[in-house]
Amino acid sequence: MRSRTLFFAAATALAAPQAYAQTVPDATEPTGEAAEAQSPGAQGGWTLYPNERHLLVRAEATLGARLNDPYAAGVLAPVSPFVEATYQFLNVRRFQMGPSLGFQAGFDASGAQFSIQPGWHVLRRFTERLAVTARADIPILITRGACAADRVRADQGFPGFGHPLNRPTLPVPSAGYCPTVAVGVEVGAGAAFYVTSGVAITAEAIFDLYFGDSGIVFPILGGGVGVMVDYEVLP
């Protein structure tokens, strides 16, 4: 009697999984390929929701090489700090994009240069860790320009290359800063590696094309590395 009871108990235990497997599945739940398609990041590695809004703040150290150096300032431009803020409110497929505003400063032997850079920023996040970035800016550059010549009193007895001076003053180079405004175009493309969900290390290649006040074009090729903070604006 005892062996028969154990036999029925074992048979019931073996049949239970089979009975469970044969229950009618819920038609509202995705299965197989449909379940995989609806899983986060199944298509593209990172889920981007339609109403996502992000604030990005990036700080970089940039370095460039002058491709045109008419004033013999040196091939390498000075290291410049670059700070950029972006509001990404537009989602196009899996790309987030929006307007940006940057500020850049540089210092060399000729003085200081400052640049205010309105632009457009694009980000595509592939995985939890990796994203690519691209931007296009219009730098408004405040730099040292040609100063109005200072004048000193001329020595009327000085012959001056065999010709007497016919003016009471002579022009001399000015030591003033005399700022002037120039414009340009800057484009950058790079990658961001997220060390946390909202903080990333960035690196990008940068190309600048400045139009000086003297009509000379100044192309610069360089790059930058920095840190970016990604803050999602909740509705």
C-alpha atoms as a PDB file:
ATOM      1  CA  MET A   1       0.000   0.000   0.000  1.00  0.00           C
ATOM      2  CA  ARG A   2       2.808   2.346   0.903  1.00  0.00           C
ATOM      3  CA  SER A   3       4.658   1.699  -2.400  1.00  0.00           C
ATOM      4  CA  ARG A   4       1.495   2.373  -4.386  1.00  0.00           C
ATOM      5  CA  THR A   5       1.052   5.718  -2.614  1.00  0.00           C
ATOM      6  CA  LEU A   6       4.641   6.729  -3.423  1.00  0.00           C
ATOM      7  CA  PHE A   7       4.121   5.754  -7.064  1.00  0.00           C
ATOM      8  CA  PHE A   8       1.060   8.000  -7.446  1.00  0.00           C
ATOM      9  CA  ALA A   9       2.840  10.879  -5.713  1.00  0.00           C
ATOM     10  CA  ALA A  10       5.801  10.641  -8.093  1.00  0.00           C
ATOM     11  CA  ALA A  11       3.532  10.448 -11.140  1.00  0.00           C
ATOM     12  CA  THR A  12       1.650  13.553 -10.020  1.00  0.00           C
ATOM     13  CA  ALA A  13       4.898  15.506  -9.545  1.00  0.00           C
ATOM     14  CA  LEU A  14       6.154  14.584 -13.018  1.00  0.00           C
ATOM     15  CA  ALA A  15       2.870  15.474 -14.670  1.00  0.00           C
ATOM     16  CA  ALA A  16       2.521  18.869 -12.988  1.00  0.00           C
ATOM     17  CA  PRO A  17       5.049  20.733 -15.198  1.00  0.00           C
ATOM     18  CA  GLN A  18       3.480  19.224 -18.300  1.00  0.00           C
ATOM     19  CA  ALA A  19       0.026  20.344 -17.235  1.00  0.00           C
ATOM     20  CA  TYR A  20       1.349  23.851 -16.511  1.00  0.00           C
ATOM     21  CA  ALA A  21       3.032  24.021 -19.909  1.00  0.00           C
ATOM     22  CA  GLN A  22      -0.178  23.073 -21.667  1.00  0.00           C
ATOM     23  CA  THR A  23      -2.225  25.961 -20.239  1.00  0.00           C
ATOM     24  CA  VAL A  24      -3.561  28.443 -22.818  1.00  0.00           C
ATOM     25  CA  PRO A  25      -1.167  31.460 -23.066  1.00  0.00           C
ATOM     26  CA  ASP A  26      -2.418  34.983 -22.442  1.00  0.00           C
ATOM     27  CA  ALA A  27      -3.017  36.568 -25.854  1.00  0.00           C
ATOM     28  CA  THR A  28      -2.194  40.059 -24.489  1.00  0.00           C
ATOM     29  CA  GLU A  29       1.395  39.150 -23.577  1.00  0.00           C
ATOM     30  CA  PRO A  30       4.060  39.152 -26.308  1.00  0.00           C
ATOM     31  CA  THR A  31       5.980  35.971 -26.901  1.00  0.00           C
ATOM     32  CA  GLY A  32       9.003  34.944 -28.952  1.00  0.00           C
ATOM     33  CA  GLU A  33      10.131  37.615 -31.421  1.00  0.00           C
ATOM     34  CA  ALA A  34       7.434  40.056 -30.302  1.00  0.00           C
ATOM     35  CA  ALA A  35       8.735  39.964 -26.736  1.00  0.00           C
ATOM     36  CA  GLU A  36      12.290  40.559 -27.940  1.00  0.00           C
ATOM     37  CA  ALA A  37      11.171  43.480 -30.110  1.00  0.00           C
ATOM     38  CA  GLN A  38       9.493  45.149 -27.126  1.00  0.00           C
ATOM     39  CA  SER A  39      12.409  44.678 -24.755  1.00  0.00           C
ATOM     40  CA  PRO A  40      14.351  47.877 -23.896  1.00  0.00           C
ATOM     41  CA  GLY A  41      17.210  48.484 -26.295  1.00  0.00           C
ATOM     42  CA  ALA A  42      16.404  45.541 -28.569  1.00  0.00           C
ATOM     43  CA  GLN A  43      16.512  47.787 -31.626  1.00  0.00           C
ATOM     44  CA  GLY A  44      19.556  50.008 -31.441  1.00  0.00           C
ATOM     45  CA  GLY A  45      20.827  49.106 -27.963  1.00  0.00           C
ATOM     46  CA  TRP A  46      19.202  52.050 -26.133  1.00  0.00           C
ATOM     47  CA  THR A  47      15.571  53.007 -25.745  1.00  0.00           C
ATOM     48  CA  LEU A  48      14.743  56.633 -26.600  1.00  0.00           C
ATOM     49  CA  TYR A  49      11.272  57.687 -25.519  1.00  0.00           C
ATOM     50  CA  PRO A  50       9.346  60.280 -27.578  1.00  0.00           C
ATOM     51  CA  ASN A  51       9.068  62.908 -24.835  1.00  0.00           C
ATOM     52  CA  GLU A  52      12.635  62.772 -23.529  1.00  0.00           C
ATOM     53  CA  ARG A  53      14.292  66.115 -22.824  1.00  0.00           C
ATOM     54  CA  HIS A  54      17.923  66.497 -21.770  1.00  0.00           C
ATOM     55  CA  LEU A  55      20.226  69.231 -20.531  1.00  0.00           C
ATOM     56  CA  LEU A  56      23.886  68.658 -21.398  1.00  0.00           C
ATOM     57  CA  VAL A  57      26.792  70.608 -19.943  1.00  0.00           C
ATOM     58  CA  ARG A  58      30.262  69.843 -21.264  1.00  0.00           C
ATOM     59  CA  ALA A  59      33.694  71.186 -20.312  1.00  0.00           C
ATOM     60  CA  GLU A  60      36.708  70.382 -22.511  1.00  0.00           C
ATOM     61  CA  ALA A  61      40.338  71.252 -22.991  1.00  0.00           C
ATOM     62  CA  THR A  62      41.008  71.780 -26.702  1.00  0.00           C
ATOM     63  CA  LEU A  63      44.205  71.984 -28.752  1.00  0.00           C
ATOM     64  CA  GLY A  64      44.584  72.812 -32.442  1.00  0.00           C
ATOM     65  CA  ALA A  65      47.139  73.103 -35.228  1.00  0.00           C
ATOM     66  CA  ARG A  66      47.073  76.139 -37.505  1.00  0.00           C
ATOM     67  CA  LEU A  67      46.911  75.071 -41.142  1.00  0.00           C
ATOM     68  CA  ASN A  68      47.600  78.662 -42.196  1.00  0.00           C
ATOM     69  CA  ASP A  69      50.045  80.758 -40.173  1.00  0.00           C
ATOM     70  CA  PRO A  70      50.620  84.074 -41.989  1.00  0.00           C
ATOM     71  CA  TYR A  71      51.764  85.914 -38.853  1.00  0.00           C
ATOM     72  CA  ALA A  72      54.224  83.218 -37.702  1.00  0.00           C
ATOM     73  CA  ALA A  73      52.318  82.642 -34.485  1.00  0.00           C
ATOM     74  CA  GLY A  74      53.359  78.970 -34.429  1.00  0.00           C
ATOM     75  CA  VAL A  75      51.753  75.819 -35.735  1.00  0.00           C
ATOM     76  CA  LEU A  76      50.148  74.840 -32.427  1.00  0.00           C
ATOM     77  CA  ALA A  77      47.441  77.089 -31.075  1.00  0.00           C
ATOM     78  CA  PRO A  78      47.329  77.421 -27.280  1.00  0.00           C
ATOM     79  CA  VAL A  79      45.296  75.020 -25.154  1.00  0.00           C
ATOM     80  CA  SER A  80      41.843  76.534 -24.712  1.00  0.00           C
ATOM     81  CA  PRO A  81      39.075  75.798 -22.211  1.00  0.00           C
ATOM     82  CA  PHE A  82      35.698  75.177 -23.860  1.00  0.00           C
ATOM     83  CA  VAL A  83      32.338  75.088 -22.033  1.00  0.00           C
ATOM     84  CA  GLU A  84      29.071  74.236 -23.780  1.00  0.00           C
ATOM     85  CA  ALA A  85      25.448  73.937 -22.647  1.00  0.00           C
ATOM     86  CA  THR A  86      22.812  72.163 -24.752  1.00  0.00           C
ATOM     87  CA  TYR A  87      19.049  71.734 -24.454  1.00  0.00           C
ATOM     88  CA  GLN A  88      17.981  68.650 -26.407  1.00  0.00           C
ATOM     89  CA  PHE A  89      14.259  68.799 -27.008  1.00  0.00           C
ATOM     90  CA  LEU A  90      13.980  67.244 -30.482  1.00  0.00           C
ATOM     91  CA  ASN A  91      14.119  63.501 -31.181  1.00  0.00           C
ATOM     92  CA  VAL A  92      14.614  62.372 -34.784  1.00  0.00           C
ATOM     93  CA  ARG A  93      14.507  58.573 -34.942  1.00  0.00           C
ATOM     94  CA  ARG A  94      17.131  57.671 -32.356  1.00  0.00           C
ATOM     95  CA  PHE A  95      18.989  60.984 -32.433  1.00  0.00           C
ATOM     96  CA  GLN A  96      18.556  63.642 -29.752  1.00  0.00           C
ATOM     97  CA  MET A  97      19.294  67.206 -30.797  1.00  0.00           C
ATOM     98  CA  GLY A  98      18.840  70.816 -29.848  1.00  0.00           C
ATOM     99  CA  PRO A  99      20.428  74.290 -29.661  1.00  0.00           C
ATOM    100  CA  SER A 100      23.695  74.865 -27.836  1.00  0.00           C
ATOM    101  CA  LEU A 101      25.670  77.808 -26.530  1.00  0.00           C
ATOM    102  CA  GLY A 102      29.406  77.605 -25.958  1.00  0.00           C
ATOM    103  CA  PHE A 103      32.183  79.783 -24.594  1.00  0.00           C
ATOM    104  CA  GLN A 104      35.891  79.407 -25.402  1.00  0.00           C
ATOM    105  CA  ALA A 105      38.991  81.302 -24.318  1.00  0.00           C
ATOM    106  CA  GLY A 106      42.582  81.268 -25.515  1.00  0.00           C
ATOM    107  CA  PHE A 107      45.766  83.008 -24.410  1.00  0.00           C
ATOM    108  CA  ASP A 108      49.039  83.375 -26.298  1.00  0.00           C
ATOM    109  CA  ALA A 109      51.841  85.888 -26.846  1.00  0.00           C
ATOM    110  CA  SER A 110      49.553  88.246 -28.766  1.00  0.00           C
ATOM    111  CA  GLY A 111      47.009  88.413 -25.949  1.00  0.00           C
ATOM    112  CA  ALA A 112      43.672  86.867 -25.095  1.00  0.00           C
ATOM    113  CA  GLN A 113      40.915  85.674 -27.425  1.00  0.00           C
ATOM    114  CA  PHE A 114      37.337  84.910 -26.437  1.00  0.00           C
ATOM    115  CA  SER A 115      34.642  83.195 -28.441  1.00  0.00           C
ATOM    116  CA  ILE A 116      30.872  82.957 -27.935  1.00  0.00           C
ATOM    117  CA  GLN A 117      29.520  80.034 -29.956  1.00  0.00           C
ATOM    118  CA  PRO A 118      25.822  79.496 -30.671  1.00  0.00           C
ATOM    119  CA  GLY A 119      25.222  76.194 -32.443  1.00  0.00           C
ATOM    120  CA  TRP A 120      23.342  72.916 -32.807  1.00  0.00           C
ATOM    121  CA  HIS A 121      24.211  69.685 -30.989  1.00  0.00           C
ATOM    122  CA  VAL A 122      23.304  66.059 -31.840  1.00  0.00           C
ATOM    123  CA  LEU A 123      23.705  62.955 -29.664  1.00  0.00           C
ATOM    124  CA  ARG A 124      23.056  59.287 -30.417  1.00  0.00           C
ATOM    125  CA  ARG A 125      23.298  56.883 -27.494  1.00  0.00           C
ATOM    126  CA  PHE A 126      23.894  53.291 -28.555  1.00  0.00           C
ATOM    127  CA  THR A 127      24.249  51.542 -25.209  1.00  0.00           C
ATOM    128  CA  GLU A 128      24.261  52.333 -21.525  1.00  0.00           C
ATOM    129  CA  ARG A 129      27.929  53.304 -21.836  1.00  0.00           C
ATOM    130  CA  LEU A 130      28.545  54.566 -25.379  1.00  0.00           C
ATOM    131  CA  ALA A 131      27.228  57.521 -27.385  1.00  0.00           C
ATOM    132  CA  VAL A 132      28.408  59.609 -30.324  1.00  0.00           C
ATOM    133  CA  THR A 133      28.142  63.388 -30.585  1.00  0.00           C
ATOM    134  CA  ALA A 134      28.267  66.001 -33.334  1.00  0.00           C
ATOM    135  CA  ARG A 135      27.957  69.769 -33.317  1.00  0.00           C
ATOM    136  CA  ALA A 136      28.125  72.783 -35.592  1.00  0.00           C
ATOM    137  CA  ASP A 137      28.842  76.236 -34.107  1.00  0.00           C
ATOM    138  CA  ILE A 138      29.212  79.785 -35.352  1.00  0.00           C
ATOM    139  CA  PRO A 139      32.000  81.303 -33.222  1.00  0.00           C
ATOM    140  CA  ILE A 140      31.835  85.053 -32.650  1.00  0.00           C
ATOM    141  CA  LEU A 141      35.471  85.766 -31.864  1.00  0.00           C
ATOM    142  CA  ILE A 142      36.690  88.748 -29.863  1.00  0.00           C
ATOM    143  CA  THR A 143      40.399  89.109 -30.559  1.00  0.00           C
ATOM    144  CA  ARG A 144      43.191  91.636 -30.814  1.00  0.00           C
ATOM    145  CA  GLY A 145      42.908  93.785 -33.891  1.00  0.00           C
ATOM    146  CA  ALA A 146      44.800  96.562 -35.611  1.00  0.00           C
ATOM    147  CA  CYS A 147      44.967  99.601 -33.364  1.00  0.00           C
ATOM    148  CA  ALA A 148      44.820 103.169 -34.540  1.00  0.00           C
ATOM    149  CA  ALA A 149      48.415 104.410 -34.774  1.00  0.00           C
ATOM    150  CA  ASP A 150      49.737 106.521 -31.963  1.00  0.00           C
ATOM    151  CA  ARG A 151      51.710 109.580 -32.954  1.00  0.00           C
ATOM    152  CA  VAL A 152      54.775 111.231 -31.454  1.00  0.00           C
ATOM    153  CA  ARG A 153      56.248 114.652 -32.056  1.00  0.00           C
ATOM    154  CA  ALA A 154      58.719 114.599 -34.916  1.00  0.00           C
ATOM    155  CA  ASP A 155      62.199 116.121 -34.806  1.00  0.00           C
ATOM    156  CA  GLN A 156      62.082 118.646 -37.605  1.00  0.00           C
ATOM    157  CA  GLY A 157      65.880 118.635 -37.878  1.00  0.00           C
ATOM    158  CA  PHE A 158      65.971 114.879 -38.641  1.00  0.00           C
ATOM    159  CA  PRO A 159      66.558 114.396 -42.403  1.00  0.00           C
ATOM    160  CA  GLY A 160      64.738 111.067 -42.657  1.00  0.00           C
ATOM    161  CA  PHE A 161      66.416 109.150 -45.519  1.00  0.00           C
ATOM    162  CA  GLY A 162      67.667 112.393 -47.049  1.00  0.00           C
ATOM    163  CA  HIS A 163      64.240 114.043 -47.089  1.00  0.00           C
ATOM    164  CA  PRO A 164      63.160 116.627 -44.529  1.00  0.00           C
ATOM    165  CA  LEU A 165      60.071 115.788 -42.460  1.00  0.00           C
ATOM    166  CA  ASN A 166      57.001 117.703 -43.598  1.00  0.00           C
ATOM    167  CA  ARG A 167      54.740 116.715 -40.700  1.00  0.00           C
ATOM    168  CA  PRO A 168      54.924 117.649 -37.028  1.00  0.00           C
ATOM    169  CA  THR A 169      54.201 114.085 -35.822  1.00  0.00           C
ATOM    170  CA  LEU A 170      55.125 110.508 -36.757  1.00  0.00           C
ATOM    171  CA  PRO A 171      53.064 107.297 -36.335  1.00  0.00           C
ATOM    172  CA  VAL A 172      54.350 104.533 -34.075  1.00  0.00           C
ATOM    173  CA  PRO A 173      52.922 101.053 -33.364  1.00  0.00           C
ATOM    174  CA  SER A 174      50.389 100.983 -30.571  1.00  0.00           C
ATOM    175  CA  ALA A 175      50.781  98.764 -27.504  1.00  0.00           C
ATOM    176  CA  GLY A 176      47.024  98.774 -26.821  1.00  0.00           C
ATOM    177  CA  TYR A 177      44.779  95.699 -26.996  1.00  0.00           C
ATOM    178  CA  CYS A 178      42.278  97.197 -29.481  1.00  0.00           C
ATOM    179  CA  PRO A 179      39.745  94.310 -29.586  1.00  0.00           C
ATOM    180  CA  THR A 180      37.944  93.484 -32.791  1.00  0.00           C
ATOM    181  CA  VAL A 181      35.232  90.991 -33.774  1.00  0.00           C
ATOM    182  CA  ALA A 182      35.618  88.144 -36.265  1.00  0.00           C
ATOM    183  CA  VAL A 183      33.369  85.209 -37.143  1.00  0.00           C
ATOM    184  CA  GLY A 184      33.938  81.618 -38.140  1.00  0.00           C
ATOM    185  CA  VAL A 185      32.576  78.100 -38.407  1.00  0.00           C
ATOM    186  CA  GLU A 186      33.384  75.226 -36.055  1.00  0.00           C
ATOM    187  CA  VAL A 187      32.339  71.583 -36.431  1.00  0.00           C
ATOM    188  CA  GLY A 188      33.073  68.713 -34.075  1.00  0.00           C
ATOM    189  CA  ALA A 189      32.417  64.975 -33.978  1.00  0.00           C
ATOM    190  CA  GLY A 190      33.286  62.578 -31.197  1.00  0.00           C
ATOM    191  CA  ALA A 191      32.266  59.995 -28.647  1.00  0.00           C
ATOM    192  CA  ALA A 192      31.044  59.946 -25.060  1.00  0.00           C
ATOM    193  CA  PHE A 193      31.727  57.130 -22.602  1.00  0.00           C
ATOM    194  CA  TYR A 194      29.250  57.173 -19.696  1.00  0.00           C
ATOM    195  CA  VAL A 195      30.908  56.277 -16.400  1.00  0.00           C
ATOM    196  CA  THR A 196      27.526  56.697 -14.713  1.00  0.00           C
ATOM    197  CA  SER A 197      24.028  57.157 -16.148  1.00  0.00           C
ATOM    198  CA  GLY A 198      24.508  60.932 -16.304  1.00  0.00           C
ATOM    199  CA  VAL A 199      28.266  61.596 -16.411  1.00  0.00           C
ATOM    200  CA  ALA A 200      30.427  60.856 -19.444  1.00  0.00           C
ATOM    201  CA  ILE A 201      34.021  61.294 -20.580  1.00  0.00           C
ATOM    202  CA  THR A 202      34.133  62.895 -24.041  1.00  0.00           C
ATOM    203  CA  ALA A 203      36.636  63.154 -26.871  1.00  0.00           C
ATOM    204  CA  GLU A 204      36.116  64.841 -30.227  1.00  0.00           C
ATOM    205  CA  ALA A 205      37.841  65.964 -33.394  1.00  0.00           C
ATOM    206  CA  ILE A 206      37.352  69.665 -34.191  1.00  0.00           C
ATOM    207  CA  PHE A 207      37.764  71.766 -37.320  1.00  0.00           C
ATOM    208  CA  ASP A 208      37.636  75.581 -37.230  1.00  0.00           C
ATOM    209  CA  LEU A 209      37.563  78.095 -40.036  1.00  0.00           C
ATOM    210  CA  TYR A 210      37.965  81.704 -38.895  1.00  0.00           C
ATOM    211  CA  PHE A 211      37.658  84.794 -41.060  1.00  0.00           C
ATOM    212  CA  GLY A 212      39.970  87.471 -39.726  1.00  0.00           C
ATOM    213  CA  ASP A 213      39.293  91.209 -39.833  1.00  0.00           C
ATOM    214  CA  SER A 214      42.061  91.521 -42.437  1.00  0.00           C
ATOM    215  CA  GLY A 215      40.304  89.136 -44.833  1.00  0.00           C
ATOM    216  CA  ILE A 216      42.701  86.236 -44.169  1.00  0.00           C
ATOM    217  CA  VAL A 217      41.191  82.785 -43.619  1.00  0.00           C
ATOM    218  CA  PHE A 218      42.524  80.819 -40.639  1.00  0.00           C
ATOM    219  CA  PRO A 219      41.782  77.048 -40.722  1.00  0.00           C
ATOM    220  CA  ILE A 220      42.569  75.080 -37.547  1.00  0.00           C
ATOM    221  CA  LEU A 221      42.419  71.306 -37.057  1.00  0.00           C
ATOM    222  CA  GLY A 222      42.446  69.886 -33.546  1.00  0.00           C
ATOM    223  CA  GLY A 223      40.594  68.034 -30.849  1.00  0.00           C
ATOM    224  CA  GLY A 224      39.454  68.081 -27.259  1.00  0.00           C
ATOM    225  CA  VAL A 225      38.835  65.878 -24.238  1.00  0.00           C
ATOM    226  CA  GLY A 226      36.548  66.593 -21.329  1.00  0.00           C
ATOM    227  CA  VAL A 227      33.588  65.684 -19.154  1.00  0.00           C
ATOM    228  CA  MET A 228      29.865  65.924 -19.940  1.00  0.00           C
ATOM    229  CA  VAL A 229      26.930  65.947 -17.517  1.00  0.00           C
ATOM    230  CA  ASP A 230      23.666  64.584 -18.959  1.00  0.00           C
ATOM    231  CA  TYR A 231      20.561  65.586 -16.978  1.00  0.00           C
ATOM    232  CA  GLU A 232      17.176  64.253 -18.066  1.00  0.00           C
ATOM    233  CA  VAL A 233      14.399  66.806 -17.607  1.00  0.00           C
ATOM    234  CA  LEU A 234      11.402  64.986 -16.177  1.00  0.00           C
ATOM    235  CA  PRO A 235       7.887  66.055 -17.295  1.00  0.00           C
END
